[in-house]
Amino acid sequence: MTEENQQQLLQSAAVLQQQLQGIMAQREAVGAQILEIKKALDELDKSKESEVFKIAGPILIKSPKASVLKDLTEKDEVFGIRFKSMEKEEKRIKLKIEDMRERLVKGMSGPVGG
């Protein structure tokens, strides 16, 4: 492997590493949102009230409990799908980075000059 090829692999690996960090940060944020939704669903489950308050921007709005439950359940499903998608993307990028590392190690231990 030529030095130029090694440099290209290193640059590609660095770009993938940055993408991986971004996806990991996004996945963490989505995970936190999922936890918040689950806590809200648990609290709604405990509530005996037929109407509850929900946050809409900077204000609270009185809404039917069933409507809020439906909205939160849908959000939970959407965020769950997004979270799983990010996990798959994270695994895919990790595999690519590992493949590049192996190619670099093999290229460096090969004959000098390619």
C-alpha atoms as a PDB file:
ATOM      1  CA  MET A   1       0.000   0.000   0.000  1.00  0.00           C
ATOM      2  CA  THR A   2       1.397   3.354  -0.975  1.00  0.00           C
ATOM      3  CA  GLU A   3       1.798   6.195   1.455  1.00  0.00           C
ATOM      4  CA  GLU A   4      -0.837   8.132  -0.513  1.00  0.00           C
ATOM      5  CA  ASN A   5      -3.329   5.288  -0.105  1.00  0.00           C
ATOM      6  CA  GLN A   6      -2.561   5.160   3.603  1.00  0.00           C
ATOM      7  CA  GLN A   7      -3.192   8.898   3.902  1.00  0.00           C
ATOM      8  CA  GLN A   8      -6.515   8.553   2.090  1.00  0.00           C
ATOM      9  CA  LEU A   9      -7.557   5.721   4.389  1.00  0.00           C
ATOM     10  CA  LEU A  10      -6.567   7.759   7.441  1.00  0.00           C
ATOM     11  CA  GLN A  11      -8.581  10.742   6.213  1.00  0.00           C
ATOM     12  CA  SER A  12     -11.599   8.547   5.473  1.00  0.00           C
ATOM     13  CA  ALA A  13     -11.328   6.953   8.900  1.00  0.00           C
ATOM     14  CA  ALA A  14     -11.171  10.396  10.534  1.00  0.00           C
ATOM     15  CA  VAL A  15     -14.322  11.492   8.690  1.00  0.00           C
ATOM     16  CA  LEU A  16     -16.109   8.305   9.738  1.00  0.00           C
ATOM     17  CA  GLN A  17     -14.968   8.842  13.324  1.00  0.00           C
ATOM     18  CA  GLN A  18     -16.529  12.324  13.286  1.00  0.00           C
ATOM     19  CA  GLN A  19     -19.755  10.916  11.839  1.00  0.00           C
ATOM     20  CA  LEU A  20     -19.754   8.246  14.530  1.00  0.00           C
ATOM     21  CA  GLN A  21     -19.378  10.825  17.290  1.00  0.00           C
ATOM     22  CA  GLY A  22     -22.262  12.847  15.846  1.00  0.00           C
ATOM     23  CA  ILE A  23     -24.534   9.826  15.646  1.00  0.00           C
ATOM     24  CA  MET A  24     -23.622   8.778  19.183  1.00  0.00           C
ATOM     25  CA  ALA A  25     -24.499  12.248  20.487  1.00  0.00           C
ATOM     26  CA  GLN A  26     -27.807  12.240  18.604  1.00  0.00           C
ATOM     27  CA  ARG A  27     -28.606   8.723  19.854  1.00  0.00           C
ATOM     28  CA  GLU A  28     -27.922   9.825  23.414  1.00  0.00           C
ATOM     29  CA  ALA A  29     -30.275  12.808  23.011  1.00  0.00           C
ATOM     30  CA  VAL A  30     -33.013  10.617  21.523  1.00  0.00           C
ATOM     31  CA  GLY A  31     -32.514   8.126  24.357  1.00  0.00           C
ATOM     32  CA  ALA A  32     -33.034  10.912  26.879  1.00  0.00           C
ATOM     33  CA  GLN A  33     -36.233  11.964  25.100  1.00  0.00           C
ATOM     34  CA  ILE A  34     -37.472   8.366  25.173  1.00  0.00           C
ATOM     35  CA  LEU A  35     -36.864   8.221  28.931  1.00  0.00           C
ATOM     36  CA  GLU A  36     -38.792  11.460  29.436  1.00  0.00           C
ATOM     37  CA  ILE A  37     -41.711  10.151  27.388  1.00  0.00           C
ATOM     38  CA  LYS A  38     -41.757   6.890  29.343  1.00  0.00           C
ATOM     39  CA  LYS A  39     -41.767   8.810  32.647  1.00  0.00           C
ATOM     40  CA  ALA A  40     -44.666  10.944  31.397  1.00  0.00           C
ATOM     41  CA  LEU A  41     -46.576   7.839  30.297  1.00  0.00           C
ATOM     42  CA  ASP A  42     -46.012   6.250  33.719  1.00  0.00           C
ATOM     43  CA  GLU A  43     -47.307   9.362  35.474  1.00  0.00           C
ATOM     44  CA  LEU A  44     -50.342   9.507  33.201  1.00  0.00           C
ATOM     45  CA  ASP A  45     -51.015   5.861  33.958  1.00  0.00           C
ATOM     46  CA  LYS A  46     -51.077   6.674  37.683  1.00  0.00           C
ATOM     47  CA  SER A  47     -53.352   9.685  37.238  1.00  0.00           C
ATOM     48  CA  LYS A  48     -57.059   9.271  37.989  1.00  0.00           C
ATOM     49  CA  GLU A  49     -57.913  12.535  36.224  1.00  0.00           C
ATOM     50  CA  SER A  50     -59.761  12.603  32.887  1.00  0.00           C
ATOM     51  CA  GLU A  51     -57.971  15.819  31.896  1.00  0.00           C
ATOM     52  CA  VAL A  52     -54.325  16.700  32.334  1.00  0.00           C
ATOM     53  CA  PHE A  53     -52.043  19.579  31.454  1.00  0.00           C
ATOM     54  CA  LYS A  54     -49.525  19.344  28.656  1.00  0.00           C
ATOM     55  CA  ILE A  55     -46.772  21.724  27.678  1.00  0.00           C
ATOM     56  CA  ALA A  56     -47.302  23.597  24.422  1.00  0.00           C
ATOM     57  CA  GLY A  57     -44.384  25.943  23.943  1.00  0.00           C
ATOM     58  CA  PRO A  58     -44.168  28.265  26.944  1.00  0.00           C
ATOM     59  CA  ILE A  59     -47.674  27.465  28.272  1.00  0.00           C
ATOM     60  CA  LEU A  60     -49.660  24.606  29.784  1.00  0.00           C
ATOM     61  CA  ILE A  61     -52.876  23.481  28.092  1.00  0.00           C
ATOM     62  CA  LYS A  62     -55.599  21.386  29.674  1.00  0.00           C
ATOM     63  CA  SER A  63     -56.184  18.360  27.429  1.00  0.00           C
ATOM     64  CA  PRO A  64     -58.071  15.080  27.590  1.00  0.00           C
ATOM     65  CA  LYS A  65     -55.907  12.393  29.156  1.00  0.00           C
ATOM     66  CA  ALA A  66     -56.617   9.974  26.279  1.00  0.00           C
ATOM     67  CA  SER A  67     -55.367  12.523  23.744  1.00  0.00           C
ATOM     68  CA  VAL A  68     -52.138  13.112  25.648  1.00  0.00           C
ATOM     69  CA  LEU A  69     -51.615   9.354  26.072  1.00  0.00           C
ATOM     70  CA  LYS A  70     -52.069   8.841  22.322  1.00  0.00           C
ATOM     71  CA  ASP A  71     -49.638  11.651  21.468  1.00  0.00           C
ATOM     72  CA  LEU A  72     -46.982  10.380  23.872  1.00  0.00           C
ATOM     73  CA  THR A  73     -47.353   6.784  22.682  1.00  0.00           C
ATOM     74  CA  GLU A  74     -46.885   7.894  19.071  1.00  0.00           C
ATOM     75  CA  LYS A  75     -43.830   9.955  20.001  1.00  0.00           C
ATOM     76  CA  ASP A  76     -42.410   6.972  21.891  1.00  0.00           C
ATOM     77  CA  GLU A  77     -42.790   4.791  18.783  1.00  0.00           C
ATOM     78  CA  VAL A  78     -41.209   7.390  16.484  1.00  0.00           C
ATOM     79  CA  PHE A  79     -38.264   8.012  18.804  1.00  0.00           C
ATOM     80  CA  GLY A  80     -37.845   4.251  19.291  1.00  0.00           C
ATOM     81  CA  ILE A  81     -37.555   3.743  15.534  1.00  0.00           C
ATOM     82  CA  ARG A  82     -35.116   6.641  15.244  1.00  0.00           C
ATOM     83  CA  PHE A  83     -33.032   5.238  18.126  1.00  0.00           C
ATOM     84  CA  LYS A  84     -32.809   1.785  16.494  1.00  0.00           C
ATOM     85  CA  SER A  85     -31.873   3.356  13.174  1.00  0.00           C
ATOM     86  CA  MET A  86     -29.062   5.301  14.837  1.00  0.00           C
ATOM     87  CA  GLU A  87     -27.823   2.133  16.542  1.00  0.00           C
ATOM     88  CA  LYS A  88     -27.636   0.368  13.161  1.00  0.00           C
ATOM     89  CA  GLU A  89     -25.810   3.312  11.600  1.00  0.00           C
ATOM     90  CA  GLU A  90     -23.394   3.414  14.527  1.00  0.00           C
ATOM     91  CA  LYS A  91     -22.600  -0.296  14.113  1.00  0.00           C
ATOM     92  CA  ARG A  92     -22.144   0.122  10.347  1.00  0.00           C
ATOM     93  CA  ILE A  93     -19.678   2.976  10.803  1.00  0.00           C
ATOM     94  CA  LYS A  94     -17.769   1.106  13.517  1.00  0.00           C
ATOM     95  CA  LEU A  95     -17.363  -1.857  11.162  1.00  0.00           C
ATOM     96  CA  LYS A  96     -16.078   0.427   8.390  1.00  0.00           C
ATOM     97  CA  ILE A  97     -13.577   2.050  10.753  1.00  0.00           C
ATOM     98  CA  GLU A  98     -12.377  -1.351  11.939  1.00  0.00           C
ATOM     99  CA  ASP A  99     -11.993  -2.515   8.332  1.00  0.00           C
ATOM    100  CA  MET A 100      -9.912   0.585   7.539  1.00  0.00           C
ATOM    101  CA  ARG A 101      -7.720  -0.016  10.582  1.00  0.00           C
ATOM    102  CA  GLU A 102      -7.070  -3.593   9.493  1.00  0.00           C
ATOM    103  CA  ARG A 103      -6.207  -2.450   5.966  1.00  0.00           C
ATOM    104  CA  LEU A 104      -3.846   0.184   7.354  1.00  0.00           C
ATOM    105  CA  VAL A 105      -2.096  -2.295   9.632  1.00  0.00           C
ATOM    106  CA  LYS A 106      -1.705  -4.772   6.761  1.00  0.00           C
ATOM    107  CA  GLY A 107      -0.483  -2.002   4.463  1.00  0.00           C
ATOM    108  CA  MET A 108       2.096  -0.789   6.965  1.00  0.00           C
ATOM    109  CA  SER A 109       3.470  -4.265   7.593  1.00  0.00           C
ATOM    110  CA  GLY A 110       3.769  -5.006   3.842  1.00  0.00           C
ATOM    111  CA  PRO A 111       6.770  -4.279   1.638  1.00  0.00           C
ATOM    112  CA  VAL A 112       8.065  -0.710   1.673  1.00  0.00           C
ATOM    113  CA  GLY A 113       7.210   1.264  -1.465  1.00  0.00           C
ATOM    114  CA  GLY A 114       3.998  -0.697  -2.280  1.00  0.00           C
END
